[in-house]
C-alpha atoms as a PDB file:
ATOM      1  CA  MET A   1     -16.742 -70.833-115.063  1.00  0.00           C
ATOM      2  CA  GLN A   2     -16.413 -67.140-114.804  1.00  0.00           C
ATOM      3  CA  LEU A   3     -17.055 -64.955-118.016  1.00  0.00           C
ATOM      4  CA  PRO A   4     -14.670 -62.680-118.487  1.00  0.00           C
ATOM      5  CA  ARG A   5     -15.531 -58.889-117.748  1.00  0.00           C
ATOM      6  CA  SER A   6     -15.713 -56.136-120.029  1.00  0.00           C
ATOM      7  CA  PRO A   7     -13.816 -52.743-119.714  1.00  0.00           C
ATOM      8  CA  ARG A   8     -16.568 -51.100-118.573  1.00  0.00           C
ATOM      9  CA  GLU A   9     -17.999 -53.485-116.004  1.00  0.00           C
ATOM     10  CA  GLU A  10     -14.754 -52.996-114.451  1.00  0.00           C
ATOM     11  CA  LYS A  11     -14.426 -49.270-114.392  1.00  0.00           C
ATOM     12  CA  HIS A  12     -18.157 -49.372-112.883  1.00  0.00           C
ATOM     13  CA  ASP A  13     -16.476 -51.799-110.003  1.00  0.00           C
ATOM     14  CA  THR A  14     -13.598 -49.348-109.545  1.00  0.00           C
ATOM     15  CA  LEU A  15     -16.109 -46.360-109.438  1.00  0.00           C
ATOM     16  CA  CYS A  16     -18.323 -48.334-106.735  1.00  0.00           C
ATOM     17  CA  GLU A  17     -15.117 -49.170-104.625  1.00  0.00           C
ATOM     18  CA  GLU A  18     -13.978 -46.193-104.654  1.00  0.00           C
ATOM     19  CA  LEU A  19     -17.176 -44.229-103.959  1.00  0.00           C
ATOM     20  CA  LEU A  20     -17.442 -46.431-101.222  1.00  0.00           C
ATOM     21  CA  ARG A  21     -14.353 -45.944 -99.223  1.00  0.00           C
ATOM     22  CA  GLU A  22     -15.021 -42.285 -99.851  1.00  0.00           C
ATOM     23  CA  ARG A  23     -18.123 -42.863 -97.615  1.00  0.00           C
ATOM     24  CA  ALA A  24     -16.233 -44.406 -95.013  1.00  0.00           C
ATOM     25  CA  ALA A  25     -13.519 -41.852 -95.031  1.00  0.00           C
ATOM     26  CA  VAL A  26     -16.397 -38.790 -95.021  1.00  0.00           C
ATOM     27  CA  LEU A  27     -18.126 -40.935 -92.096  1.00  0.00           C
ATOM     28  CA  GLY A  28     -14.595 -41.516 -90.420  1.00  0.00           C
ATOM     29  CA  ARG A  29     -13.691 -37.691 -90.248  1.00  0.00           C
ATOM     30  CA  ALA A  30     -17.143 -36.676 -88.930  1.00  0.00           C
ATOM     31  CA  GLY A  31     -17.027 -39.341 -86.485  1.00  0.00           C
ATOM     32  CA  MET A  32     -13.815 -38.044 -85.215  1.00  0.00           C
ATOM     33  CA  ALA A  33     -14.231 -34.458 -85.488  1.00  0.00           C
ATOM     34  CA  VAL A  34     -17.061 -35.353 -82.304  1.00  0.00           C
ATOM     35  CA  GLU A  35     -14.622 -37.999 -80.455  1.00  0.00           C
ATOM     36  CA  ASP A  36     -12.226 -34.770 -80.753  1.00  0.00           C
ATOM     37  CA  ALA A  37     -14.415 -32.318 -79.291  1.00  0.00           C
ATOM     38  CA  LEU A  38     -15.946 -34.897 -76.821  1.00  0.00           C
ATOM     39  CA  ALA A  39     -11.924 -35.347 -75.679  1.00  0.00           C
ATOM     40  CA  GLU A  40     -11.550 -31.616 -75.263  1.00  0.00           C
ATOM     41  CA  LEU A  41     -14.740 -31.659 -73.275  1.00  0.00           C
ATOM     42  CA  THR A  42     -13.176 -34.278 -70.764  1.00  0.00           C
ATOM     43  CA  LYS A  43      -9.736 -32.385 -70.328  1.00  0.00           C
ATOM     44  CA  LEU A  44     -11.869 -29.059 -69.603  1.00  0.00           C
ATOM     45  CA  ASP A  45     -13.906 -31.192 -67.118  1.00  0.00           C
ATOM     46  CA  ASN A  46     -11.025 -32.329 -65.321  1.00  0.00           C
ATOM     47  CA  GLU A  47      -9.435 -29.015 -65.467  1.00  0.00           C
ATOM     48  CA  ILE A  48     -12.395 -27.571 -63.775  1.00  0.00           C
ATOM     49  CA  LYS A  49     -12.535 -30.631 -60.904  1.00  0.00           C
ATOM     50  CA  THR A  50      -8.691 -30.047 -60.302  1.00  0.00           C
ATOM     51  CA  LYS A  51      -9.493 -26.007 -59.810  1.00  0.00           C
ATOM     52  CA  LYS A  52     -12.827 -26.900 -57.592  1.00  0.00           C
ATOM     53  CA  GLU A  53     -10.685 -28.765 -55.339  1.00  0.00           C
ATOM     54  CA  GLN A  54      -7.998 -26.066 -55.513  1.00  0.00           C
ATOM     55  CA  LEU A  55     -10.978 -23.787 -54.104  1.00  0.00           C
ATOM     56  CA  LYS A  56     -12.253 -26.129 -51.068  1.00  0.00           C
ATOM     57  CA  LEU A  57      -8.610 -26.169 -49.738  1.00  0.00           C
ATOM     58  CA  LEU A  58      -8.302 -22.308 -50.052  1.00  0.00           C
ATOM     59  CA  LYS A  59     -11.333 -22.115 -48.201  1.00  0.00           C
ATOM     60  CA  LEU A  60     -10.279 -24.426 -45.558  1.00  0.00           C
ATOM     61  CA  ARG A  61      -7.233 -22.041 -44.817  1.00  0.00           C
ATOM     62  CA  GLU A  62      -7.454 -19.373 -42.002  1.00  0.00           C
ATOM     63  CA  GLN A  63      -9.657 -16.647 -43.479  1.00  0.00           C
ATOM     64  CA  CYS A  64      -7.711 -13.760 -44.010  1.00  0.00           C
ATOM     65  CA  PRO A  65      -7.686 -10.772 -46.759  1.00  0.00           C
ATOM     66  CA  HIS A  66      -5.177 -12.247 -48.938  1.00  0.00           C
ATOM     67  CA  SER A  67      -7.204 -16.260 -48.545  1.00  0.00           C
ATOM     68  CA  LEU A  68     -10.531 -13.878 -49.922  1.00  0.00           C
ATOM     69  CA  ASN A  69      -8.237 -12.571 -52.590  1.00  0.00           C
ATOM     70  CA  GLU A  70      -7.061 -16.203 -53.858  1.00  0.00           C
ATOM     71  CA  GLN A  71     -10.649 -17.392 -53.485  1.00  0.00           C
ATOM     72  CA  GLN A  72     -11.856 -14.668 -55.691  1.00  0.00           C
ATOM     73  CA  ALA A  73      -9.470 -15.060 -58.470  1.00  0.00           C
ATOM     74  CA  ALA A  74      -9.834 -19.243 -58.101  1.00  0.00           C
ATOM     75  CA  VAL A  75     -13.386 -18.557 -58.460  1.00  0.00           C
ATOM     76  CA  GLU A  76     -12.739 -16.243 -61.433  1.00  0.00           C
ATOM     77  CA  GLU A  77     -10.324 -19.137 -63.048  1.00  0.00           C
ATOM     78  CA  ILE A  78     -12.884 -21.771 -62.853  1.00  0.00           C
ATOM     79  CA  ASN A  79     -15.603 -19.804 -64.338  1.00  0.00           C
ATOM     80  CA  ALA A  80     -13.529 -18.921 -67.076  1.00  0.00           C
ATOM     81  CA  LYS A  81     -12.955 -22.614 -67.718  1.00  0.00           C
ATOM     82  CA  ILE A  82     -16.772 -23.442 -67.551  1.00  0.00           C
ATOM     83  CA  ASP A  83     -17.252 -20.690 -70.089  1.00  0.00           C
ATOM     84  CA  GLN A  84     -14.619 -22.296 -72.277  1.00  0.00           C
ATOM     85  CA  PHE A  85     -16.367 -25.659 -71.675  1.00  0.00           C
ATOM     86  CA  ASN A  86     -19.749 -24.399 -72.507  1.00  0.00           C
ATOM     87  CA  ALA A  87     -18.065 -23.045 -75.762  1.00  0.00           C
ATOM     88  CA  VAL A  88     -16.644 -26.603 -76.744  1.00  0.00           C
ATOM     89  CA  ARG A  89     -19.484 -28.227 -75.766  1.00  0.00           C
ATOM     90  CA  LYS A  90     -21.498 -25.906 -78.173  1.00  0.00           C
ATOM     91  CA  LYS A  91     -18.844 -27.079 -81.048  1.00  0.00           C
ATOM     92  CA  ALA A  92     -19.125 -30.751 -79.535  1.00  0.00           C
ATOM     93  CA  GLN A  93     -23.232 -30.280 -80.686  1.00  0.00           C
ATOM     94  CA  LEU A  94     -22.564 -29.014 -83.982  1.00  0.00           C
ATOM     95  CA  LYS A  95     -20.052 -31.674 -84.839  1.00  0.00           C
ATOM     96  CA  TYR A  96     -22.619 -34.578 -83.558  1.00  0.00           C
ATOM     97  CA  TYR A  97     -25.251 -32.540 -85.795  1.00  0.00           C
ATOM     98  CA  TYR A  98     -22.856 -32.585 -88.777  1.00  0.00           C
ATOM     99  CA  LEU A  99     -22.364 -36.473 -87.837  1.00  0.00           C
ATOM    100  CA  ILE A 100     -25.848 -37.004 -88.091  1.00  0.00           C
ATOM    101  CA  VAL A 101     -26.789 -35.173 -91.477  1.00  0.00           C
ATOM    102  CA  THR A 102     -23.808 -36.965 -93.079  1.00  0.00           C
ATOM    103  CA  ARG A 103     -25.007 -40.024 -91.938  1.00  0.00           C
ATOM    104  CA  GLU A 104     -28.783 -39.308 -93.625  1.00  0.00           C
ATOM    105  CA  ALA A 105     -26.975 -37.840 -96.612  1.00  0.00           C
ATOM    106  CA  LEU A 106     -25.518 -41.358 -96.846  1.00  0.00           C
ATOM    107  CA  GLY A 107     -29.011 -43.134 -96.420  1.00  0.00           C
ATOM    108  CA  LEU A 108     -28.161 -44.433 -92.752  1.00  0.00           C
ATOM    109  CA  ARG A 109     -31.211 -43.522 -90.896  1.00  0.00           C
ATOM    110  CA  ARG A 110     -31.281 -45.163 -87.537  1.00  0.00           C
ATOM    111  CA  HIS A 111     -28.555 -43.176 -85.288  1.00  0.00           C
ATOM    112  CA  ASP A 112     -29.436 -45.416 -82.145  1.00  0.00           C
ATOM    113  CA  MET A 113     -25.985 -46.563 -81.497  1.00  0.00           C
ATOM    114  CA  ILE A 114     -24.593 -43.237 -82.421  1.00  0.00           C
ATOM    115  CA  LYS A 115     -26.717 -41.881 -79.931  1.00  0.00           C
ATOM    116  CA  GLU A 116     -24.926 -44.163 -77.797  1.00  0.00           C
ATOM    117  CA  ILE A 117     -20.990 -43.488 -78.345  1.00  0.00           C
ATOM    118  CA  TYR A 118     -21.396 -39.925 -78.421  1.00  0.00           C
ATOM    119  CA  ILE A 119     -22.726 -38.592 -75.673  1.00  0.00           C
ATOM    120  CA  ILE A 120     -22.546 -35.036 -74.995  1.00  0.00           C
ATOM    121  CA  PRO A 121     -22.209 -33.794 -71.364  1.00  0.00           C
ATOM    122  CA  VAL A 122     -24.716 -31.442 -70.155  1.00  0.00           C
ATOM    123  CA  LYS A 123     -24.167 -27.552 -70.324  1.00  0.00           C
ATOM    124  CA  LYS A 124     -22.014 -26.164 -66.837  1.00  0.00           C
ATOM    125  CA  LYS A 125     -23.361 -23.683 -64.850  1.00  0.00           C
ATOM    126  CA  LYS A 126     -20.732 -20.903 -63.232  1.00  0.00           C
ATOM    127  CA  ILE A 127     -20.465 -20.746 -59.897  1.00  0.00           C
ATOM    128  CA  GLN A 128     -21.437 -17.672 -57.740  1.00  0.00           C
ATOM    129  CA  ASP A 129     -19.675 -17.631 -54.437  1.00  0.00           C
ATOM    130  CA  PHE A 130     -16.491 -18.453 -52.830  1.00  0.00           C
END
């Protein structure tokens, strides 16, 4: 047999439910911010790989002044993408830090699984020669 609950107990339970929902929403937003940054990194990484393949094809062409200009332009374009990648990587690191701080603030102390899920790639180095 269940005892009738007082309005005060019902309000308390409602408030606890709202707090739990808000905690989940905050963690979800923090995780999504990291995921978005990682998705952008993946996209940029694919673009860099494609441009490097194009550069390889340019190198295989006959060595002429026009080809050298194209190669130089390709190298500059790749380096610009690498700069963009590194900037987004820095943003991803910051978003990851925010996620960890949010988890800590909510009392979650173990982050092993988070480290496995959200892997931030290493910084890319610019290419020097063409």
